[in-house]
Amino acid sequence: LIGLLLFSTPLAIARPPQASAKKSAAQDKAVTRKKSAASSRLQRMRRAFVASGSLKPMAMQLLDNRSRAAYARVTAYAHRHARDDAGALANLVLGYAHILDHDYGKAIAPLKKSLPRAGELADYAAYFLGWAYNGSGDAPNAIATLRDFPRQYPQSIFLRAAAVVYADALLAAGDPREAMAVLERNRRPARADVELAMGKALLQ
């Protein structure tokens, strides 16, 4: 995903089924807005990496192979730039790399460092942090991190993904009713991970 943020074209936004011409026009406008927001976000991400040009090859190498040496290089970069935005970006990459390795506990510290200075990328840092907490079995902190995600980041491309992680943390905390309420608000258009999480909630 971070590799996508570095170099990819804007994300495609799935268009829901259209029931009428009026509804179709409204949906087209919503899709256009989402595409524009996604494109703008990716453009800002690319500009951030251009501004931190020396980080870019190290980040890509880490995300490609996640070797000990690659981790060490990005960690050292994050330490050298601890007081600026480039350091926040490096910590975001470190956290996501640990998530890719399913090493959720190690992802938490760099993501917590990244979040206060993440700026336009704050929703990425918050979503990854909630994911890392949940993956490490810390449901209370996952809930605290993602509870206000829709209000804080209403334009985030991670809105529904964050809802799934949040619902999973609620289930782990023994609150299936609230988990189902969260998932119900995110069931349209249909998405497999939301339906799977709803099934888990219904069985609890």
Protein backbone atom coordinates (compact mmCIF):
# COMPACT_ATOMS: atom_id res chain seq x y z
CA LEU A 1 0.00 0.00 0.00
CA ILE A 2 2.73 2.51 0.86
CA GLY A 3 4.36 1.54 -2.43
CA LEU A 4 1.10 2.52 -4.09
CA LEU A 5 1.24 5.84 -2.28
CA LEU A 6 4.72 6.48 -3.67
CA PHE A 7 4.24 5.83 -7.34
CA SER A 8 0.80 4.64 -8.34
CA THR A 9 -1.93 6.25 -10.35
CA PRO A 10 -4.98 7.43 -8.37
CA LEU A 11 -7.12 4.73 -6.84
CA ALA A 12 -10.16 3.56 -8.75
CA ILE A 13 -13.39 4.02 -6.81
CA ALA A 14 -16.01 1.32 -7.28
CA ARG A 15 -19.35 2.62 -8.52
CA PRO A 16 -22.46 1.20 -6.83
CA PRO A 17 -25.47 -0.05 -8.83
CA GLN A 18 -27.64 2.75 -10.21
CA ALA A 19 -31.38 2.57 -9.67
CA SER A 20 -32.52 5.73 -11.43
CA ALA A 21 -31.27 8.64 -13.53
CA LYS A 22 -31.53 11.02 -10.55
CA LYS A 23 -29.76 8.62 -8.23
CA SER A 24 -27.20 7.92 -10.94
CA ALA A 25 -26.34 11.61 -11.23
CA ALA A 26 -25.91 11.92 -7.47
CA GLN A 27 -23.78 8.80 -7.38
CA ASP A 28 -21.64 10.05 -10.27
CA LYS A 29 -21.00 13.27 -8.38
CA ALA A 30 -20.08 11.34 -5.23
CA VAL A 31 -17.75 9.07 -7.21
CA THR A 32 -16.13 12.12 -8.84
CA ARG A 33 -15.58 13.72 -5.44
CA LYS A 34 -14.05 10.51 -4.08
CA LYS A 35 -11.80 10.15 -7.10
CA SER A 36 -10.72 13.77 -6.75
CA ALA A 37 -9.99 13.32 -3.04
CA ALA A 38 -8.03 10.13 -3.67
CA SER A 39 -6.08 11.73 -6.49
CA SER A 40 -5.31 14.80 -4.41
CA ARG A 41 -4.16 12.67 -1.50
CA LEU A 42 -1.85 10.62 -3.68
CA GLN A 43 -0.42 13.77 -5.23
CA ARG A 44 0.34 15.14 -1.77
CA MET A 45 1.90 11.81 -0.79
CA ARG A 46 4.15 11.87 -3.83
CA ARG A 47 5.18 15.46 -3.10
CA ALA A 48 6.04 14.45 0.46
CA PHE A 49 8.31 11.69 -0.81
CA VAL A 50 9.93 13.99 -3.36
CA ALA A 51 10.70 16.41 -0.53
CA SER A 52 12.27 13.50 1.35
CA GLY A 53 14.14 12.19 -1.66
CA SER A 54 16.81 10.32 0.29
CA LEU A 55 14.11 8.35 2.13
CA LYS A 56 12.37 7.15 -1.02
CA PRO A 57 14.85 4.43 -2.15
CA MET A 58 15.31 3.19 1.43
CA ALA A 59 11.55 3.02 1.96
CA MET A 60 10.97 1.12 -1.25
CA GLN A 61 13.75 -1.33 -0.44
CA LEU A 62 12.28 -1.93 3.02
CA LEU A 63 8.80 -2.52 1.66
CA ASP A 64 10.14 -4.81 -1.06
CA ASN A 65 12.23 -7.16 1.09
CA ARG A 66 11.97 -6.06 4.75
CA SER A 67 15.47 -7.24 5.55
CA ARG A 68 17.21 -6.40 8.83
CA ALA A 69 19.53 -4.00 7.01
CA ALA A 70 16.61 -2.22 5.32
CA TYR A 71 14.85 -1.80 8.65
CA ALA A 72 18.07 -0.42 10.16
CA ARG A 73 18.51 2.17 7.42
CA VAL A 74 14.98 3.54 7.68
CA THR A 75 15.14 3.46 11.49
CA ALA A 76 18.36 5.48 11.43
CA TYR A 77 16.76 7.96 9.02
CA ALA A 78 13.76 8.32 11.35
CA HIS A 79 16.09 9.03 14.28
CA ARG A 80 18.05 11.64 12.32
CA HIS A 81 14.82 13.40 11.31
CA ALA A 82 12.93 12.93 14.57
CA ARG A 83 11.91 16.59 14.71
CA ASP A 84 10.65 17.02 11.16
CA ASP A 85 8.02 15.68 8.79
CA ALA A 86 10.49 13.41 7.02
CA GLY A 87 10.96 11.51 10.26
CA ALA A 88 7.19 11.09 10.61
CA LEU A 89 7.09 9.68 7.08
CA ALA A 90 9.94 7.28 7.87
CA ASN A 91 8.13 6.06 10.98
CA LEU A 92 4.97 5.56 8.97
CA VAL A 93 6.91 3.35 6.54
CA LEU A 94 8.50 1.43 9.44
CA GLY A 95 5.13 0.80 11.04
CA TYR A 96 3.57 -0.40 7.82
CA ALA A 97 6.54 -2.66 7.09
CA HIS A 98 6.12 -4.33 10.48
CA ILE A 99 2.40 -4.80 9.73
CA LEU A 100 3.32 -6.50 6.46
CA ASP A 101 5.51 -8.82 8.52
CA HIS A 102 2.57 -9.43 10.92
CA ASP A 103 4.84 -8.08 13.66
CA TYR A 104 2.11 -5.86 15.05
CA GLY A 105 3.73 -5.15 18.40
CA LYS A 106 6.78 -3.62 16.72
CA ALA A 107 4.59 -1.50 14.46
CA ILE A 108 3.03 0.40 17.35
CA ALA A 109 5.97 2.54 18.50
CA PRO A 110 6.91 4.04 15.09
CA LEU A 111 3.26 4.65 14.23
CA LYS A 112 2.70 6.47 17.53
CA LYS A 113 5.73 8.63 16.72
CA SER A 114 4.42 9.29 13.22
CA LEU A 115 0.88 10.30 14.12
CA PRO A 116 1.47 13.74 15.74
CA ARG A 117 3.42 15.03 12.71
CA ALA A 118 1.69 13.02 10.00
CA GLY A 119 -0.30 15.98 8.68
CA GLU A 120 -2.09 14.99 5.48
CA LEU A 121 -1.17 11.38 6.22
CA ALA A 122 -2.70 11.33 9.70
CA ASP A 123 -5.49 8.99 8.61
CA TYR A 124 -2.89 6.52 7.33
CA ALA A 125 -1.01 6.64 10.62
CA ALA A 126 -4.21 6.33 12.68
CA TYR A 127 -5.59 3.45 10.64
CA PHE A 128 -2.30 1.55 10.69
CA LEU A 129 -1.95 2.19 14.44
CA GLY A 130 -5.45 0.88 15.15
CA TRP A 131 -4.67 -2.14 12.95
CA ALA A 132 -1.41 -2.74 14.84
CA TYR A 133 -3.11 -2.50 18.25
CA ASN A 134 -5.83 -4.88 17.15
CA GLY A 135 -3.35 -7.31 15.59
CA SER A 136 -1.33 -7.38 18.80
CA GLY A 137 -4.42 -8.20 20.87
CA ASP A 138 -4.80 -4.74 22.43
CA ALA A 139 -8.51 -4.22 21.76
CA PRO A 140 -8.98 -1.24 24.14
CA ASN A 141 -6.30 0.84 22.43
CA ALA A 142 -7.53 -0.22 18.97
CA ILE A 143 -11.02 0.97 19.95
CA ALA A 144 -9.69 4.24 21.38
CA THR A 145 -7.64 4.88 18.22
CA LEU A 146 -10.43 4.16 15.72
CA ARG A 147 -13.58 5.22 17.60
CA ASP A 148 -13.63 8.72 16.11
CA PHE A 149 -11.97 7.86 12.81
CA PRO A 150 -15.01 8.76 10.61
CA ARG A 151 -15.35 12.15 12.29
CA GLN A 152 -11.63 12.95 12.25
CA TYR A 153 -10.98 11.73 8.70
CA PRO A 154 -14.27 11.89 6.77
CA GLN A 155 -12.49 11.87 3.38
CA SER A 156 -10.13 8.99 4.16
CA ILE A 157 -9.89 6.13 1.70
CA PHE A 158 -9.68 3.88 4.77
CA LEU A 159 -13.13 4.68 6.21
CA ARG A 160 -14.62 1.23 5.64
CA ALA A 161 -11.39 -0.67 6.31
CA ALA A 162 -11.05 1.17 9.63
CA ALA A 163 -14.67 0.29 10.45
CA VAL A 164 -13.88 -3.41 9.97
CA VAL A 165 -10.83 -3.23 12.26
CA TYR A 166 -12.82 -1.22 14.80
CA ALA A 167 -15.66 -3.76 14.75
CA ASP A 168 -13.18 -6.61 15.18
CA ALA A 169 -11.72 -4.87 18.23
CA LEU A 170 -15.23 -4.39 19.63
CA LEU A 171 -15.88 -8.10 19.19
CA ALA A 172 -12.63 -8.89 21.00
CA ALA A 173 -13.77 -6.58 23.80
CA GLY A 174 -17.09 -8.44 24.05
CA ASP A 175 -19.37 -5.85 22.44
CA PRO A 176 -20.97 -7.57 19.42
CA ARG A 177 -24.01 -5.26 19.41
CA GLU A 178 -21.90 -2.15 18.83
CA ALA A 179 -19.75 -4.05 16.31
CA MET A 180 -22.87 -4.93 14.30
CA ALA A 181 -24.05 -1.32 14.43
CA VAL A 182 -20.71 -0.11 13.06
CA LEU A 183 -20.72 -2.71 10.30
CA GLU A 184 -24.34 -2.08 9.37
CA ARG A 185 -23.46 1.55 8.61
CA ASN A 186 -20.80 0.32 6.18
CA ARG A 187 -22.60 -2.45 4.27
CA ARG A 188 -23.38 -0.47 1.11
CA PRO A 189 -22.00 -1.01 -1.41
CA ALA A 190 -21.43 -4.64 -0.51
CA ARG A 191 -17.91 -5.54 0.50
CA ALA A 192 -16.65 -9.01 1.41
CA ASP A 193 -14.64 -8.06 4.51
CA VAL A 194 -17.59 -6.16 5.99
CA GLU A 195 -19.93 -9.11 5.41
CA LEU A 196 -17.42 -11.55 6.92
CA ALA A 197 -17.06 -9.35 10.00
CA MET A 198 -20.85 -9.10 10.27
CA GLY A 199 -21.07 -12.89 10.19
CA LYS A 200 -18.54 -13.13 13.01
CA ALA A 201 -20.50 -10.59 15.04
CA LEU A 202 -23.76 -12.49 14.54
CA LEU A 203 -22.14 -15.70 15.77
CA GLN A 204 -20.78 -14.14 18.95
